[in-house]
Amino acid sequence: MIIPENLLSLVMRYFENDLTRATLWFHVPNPVLKGMKPIDYKLGGTYDRLEKMIGDALRESKHDS
């Protein structure tokens, strides 16, 4: 499965442009997604919820800085 460019871009930003960590994030089960791997998470034909989750994490990390 191909990672959508907009989602990869968001995750790359979260991991400060570390492609290895960003790519790995998509392939590791995530407790927020009830143990699903983000790469496999697609409800209703879109990744809208996953995109929102990544955006929320980015906003939270800015508040923690």
N, C-alpha and C. Protein backbone atom coordinates (compact mmCIF):
# COMPACT_ATOMS: atom_id res chain seq x y z
N MET A 1 0.84 -1.18 0.00
CA MET A 1 0.00 0.00 0.00
C MET A 1 0.88 1.24 0.00
N ILE A 2 0.51 2.23 -0.77
CA ILE A 2 1.26 3.48 -0.88
C ILE A 2 0.76 4.45 0.18
N ILE A 3 1.68 5.14 0.82
CA ILE A 3 1.33 6.14 1.83
C ILE A 3 0.94 7.43 1.10
N PRO A 4 -0.24 7.96 1.36
CA PRO A 4 -0.64 9.21 0.72
C PRO A 4 0.36 10.33 1.04
N GLU A 5 0.69 11.12 0.03
CA GLU A 5 1.71 12.15 0.17
C GLU A 5 1.40 13.16 1.27
N ASN A 6 0.12 13.56 1.39
CA ASN A 6 -0.22 14.56 2.41
C ASN A 6 -0.01 14.00 3.82
N LEU A 7 -0.29 12.71 4.01
CA LEU A 7 -0.08 12.11 5.34
C LEU A 7 1.40 11.93 5.63
N LEU A 8 2.16 11.50 4.63
CA LEU A 8 3.61 11.34 4.82
C LEU A 8 4.23 12.69 5.17
N SER A 9 3.78 13.74 4.51
CA SER A 9 4.30 15.08 4.78
C SER A 9 4.04 15.49 6.22
N LEU A 10 2.83 15.24 6.72
CA LEU A 10 2.51 15.58 8.11
C LEU A 10 3.37 14.80 9.09
N VAL A 11 3.52 13.50 8.85
CA VAL A 11 4.31 12.66 9.75
C VAL A 11 5.79 13.03 9.67
N MET A 12 6.26 13.37 8.48
CA MET A 12 7.65 13.82 8.34
C MET A 12 7.88 15.08 9.17
N ARG A 13 6.91 15.99 9.15
CA ARG A 13 7.04 17.21 9.96
C ARG A 13 7.11 16.86 11.45
N TYR A 14 6.27 15.91 11.87
CA TYR A 14 6.27 15.49 13.27
C TYR A 14 7.62 14.91 13.68
N PHE A 15 8.22 14.12 12.78
CA PHE A 15 9.51 13.48 13.07
C PHE A 15 10.69 14.29 12.54
N GLU A 16 10.48 15.59 12.34
CA GLU A 16 11.54 16.52 11.94
C GLU A 16 12.29 16.03 10.70
N ASN A 17 11.51 15.61 9.68
CA ASN A 17 12.02 15.18 8.38
C ASN A 17 12.88 13.91 8.41
N ASP A 18 12.70 13.09 9.41
CA ASP A 18 13.39 11.78 9.47
C ASP A 18 12.52 10.76 8.74
N LEU A 19 12.89 10.47 7.49
CA LEU A 19 12.09 9.58 6.65
C LEU A 19 11.99 8.18 7.23
N THR A 20 13.05 7.68 7.83
CA THR A 20 13.03 6.33 8.41
C THR A 20 11.99 6.24 9.52
N ARG A 21 12.02 7.19 10.45
CA ARG A 21 11.06 7.18 11.56
C ARG A 21 9.63 7.40 11.07
N ALA A 22 9.47 8.31 10.11
CA ALA A 22 8.13 8.59 9.59
C ALA A 22 7.54 7.36 8.90
N THR A 23 8.33 6.71 8.07
CA THR A 23 7.86 5.51 7.38
C THR A 23 7.56 4.40 8.37
N LEU A 24 8.42 4.23 9.35
CA LEU A 24 8.21 3.20 10.37
C LEU A 24 6.90 3.44 11.12
N TRP A 25 6.58 4.70 11.40
CA TRP A 25 5.36 5.03 12.14
C TRP A 25 4.14 4.44 11.46
N PHE A 26 4.12 4.44 10.13
CA PHE A 26 2.98 3.91 9.40
C PHE A 26 2.86 2.39 9.50
N HIS A 27 3.93 1.71 9.89
CA HIS A 27 3.94 0.24 9.88
C HIS A 27 3.92 -0.40 11.27
N VAL A 28 3.80 0.42 12.30
CA VAL A 28 3.78 -0.09 13.68
C VAL A 28 2.36 0.04 14.23
N PRO A 29 1.83 -1.03 14.86
CA PRO A 29 0.50 -0.93 15.47
C PRO A 29 0.41 0.26 16.41
N ASN A 30 -0.69 0.99 16.32
CA ASN A 30 -0.85 2.22 17.09
C ASN A 30 -2.03 2.06 18.05
N PRO A 31 -1.79 2.24 19.35
CA PRO A 31 -2.88 2.07 20.32
C PRO A 31 -4.03 3.06 20.10
N VAL A 32 -3.76 4.24 19.58
CA VAL A 32 -4.81 5.21 19.31
C VAL A 32 -5.76 4.69 18.23
N LEU A 33 -5.25 3.83 17.37
CA LEU A 33 -6.05 3.23 16.29
C LEU A 33 -6.49 1.82 16.66
N LYS A 34 -6.60 1.57 17.97
CA LYS A 34 -7.02 0.26 18.48
C LYS A 34 -6.12 -0.87 17.98
N GLY A 35 -4.81 -0.58 17.95
CA GLY A 35 -3.83 -1.59 17.58
C GLY A 35 -3.60 -1.77 16.09
N MET A 36 -4.31 -1.00 15.28
CA MET A 36 -4.11 -1.11 13.83
C MET A 36 -2.85 -0.34 13.42
N LYS A 37 -2.24 -0.75 12.33
CA LYS A 37 -1.13 0.00 11.76
C LYS A 37 -1.73 1.16 10.97
N PRO A 38 -1.18 2.36 11.09
CA PRO A 38 -1.71 3.48 10.32
C PRO A 38 -1.79 3.20 8.82
N ILE A 39 -0.88 2.45 8.26
CA ILE A 39 -0.90 2.13 6.83
C ILE A 39 -2.15 1.34 6.45
N ASP A 40 -2.70 0.59 7.40
CA ASP A 40 -3.88 -0.22 7.15
C ASP A 40 -5.18 0.48 7.52
N TYR A 41 -5.07 1.66 8.11
CA TYR A 41 -6.23 2.34 8.63
C TYR A 41 -6.89 3.19 7.55
N LYS A 42 -8.02 2.76 7.12
CA LYS A 42 -8.75 3.50 6.09
C LYS A 42 -10.23 3.20 6.29
N LEU A 43 -10.95 4.17 6.80
CA LEU A 43 -12.39 4.00 7.00
C LEU A 43 -13.15 4.88 6.01
N GLY A 44 -14.17 4.34 5.43
CA GLY A 44 -15.00 5.10 4.53
C GLY A 44 -14.28 5.53 3.26
N GLY A 45 -13.21 4.82 2.92
CA GLY A 45 -12.50 5.11 1.69
C GLY A 45 -11.53 6.27 1.77
N THR A 46 -11.38 6.87 2.96
CA THR A 46 -10.44 7.99 3.10
C THR A 46 -9.59 7.82 4.35
N TYR A 47 -8.59 8.65 4.44
CA TYR A 47 -7.74 8.67 5.62
C TYR A 47 -8.03 9.91 6.47
N ASP A 48 -9.25 10.45 6.39
CA ASP A 48 -9.57 11.70 7.08
C ASP A 48 -9.31 11.63 8.58
N ARG A 49 -9.72 10.55 9.22
CA ARG A 49 -9.53 10.46 10.68
C ARG A 49 -8.05 10.37 11.02
N LEU A 50 -7.30 9.63 10.22
CA LEU A 50 -5.86 9.51 10.45
C LEU A 50 -5.19 10.87 10.26
N GLU A 51 -5.60 11.61 9.25
CA GLU A 51 -5.04 12.94 9.01
C GLU A 51 -5.35 13.86 10.19
N LYS A 52 -6.54 13.78 10.74
CA LYS A 52 -6.90 14.59 11.91
C LYS A 52 -6.05 14.21 13.12
N MET A 53 -5.84 12.90 13.32
CA MET A 53 -5.03 12.44 14.44
C MET A 53 -3.60 12.99 14.33
N ILE A 54 -3.03 12.95 13.14
CA ILE A 54 -1.66 13.44 12.93
C ILE A 54 -1.62 14.95 13.17
N GLY A 55 -2.61 15.68 12.64
CA GLY A 55 -2.67 17.13 12.86
C GLY A 55 -2.78 17.48 14.34
N ASP A 56 -3.60 16.73 15.07
CA ASP A 56 -3.74 16.96 16.52
C ASP A 56 -2.41 16.73 17.22
N ALA A 57 -1.69 15.68 16.84
CA ALA A 57 -0.39 15.38 17.46
C ALA A 57 0.60 16.50 17.17
N LEU A 58 0.58 17.04 15.97
CA LEU A 58 1.47 18.16 15.63
C LEU A 58 1.15 19.38 16.48
N ARG A 59 -0.13 19.69 16.62
CA ARG A 59 -0.52 20.85 17.43
C ARG A 59 -0.12 20.65 18.89
N GLU A 60 -0.31 19.44 19.41
CA GLU A 60 0.06 19.17 20.81
C GLU A 60 1.55 19.28 21.00
N SER A 61 2.34 18.82 20.03
CA SER A 61 3.81 18.88 20.18
C SER A 61 4.28 20.32 20.17
N LYS A 62 3.59 21.22 19.48
CA LYS A 62 3.96 22.64 19.48
C LYS A 62 3.68 23.27 20.84
N HIS A 63 2.60 22.81 21.50
CA HIS A 63 2.27 23.33 22.84
C HIS A 63 3.26 22.84 23.89
N ASP A 64 3.83 21.65 23.67
CA ASP A 64 4.77 21.08 24.64
C ASP A 64 6.15 21.72 24.53
N SER A 65 6.42 22.39 23.44
CA SER A 65 7.75 23.00 23.21
C SER A 65 7.95 24.24 24.02
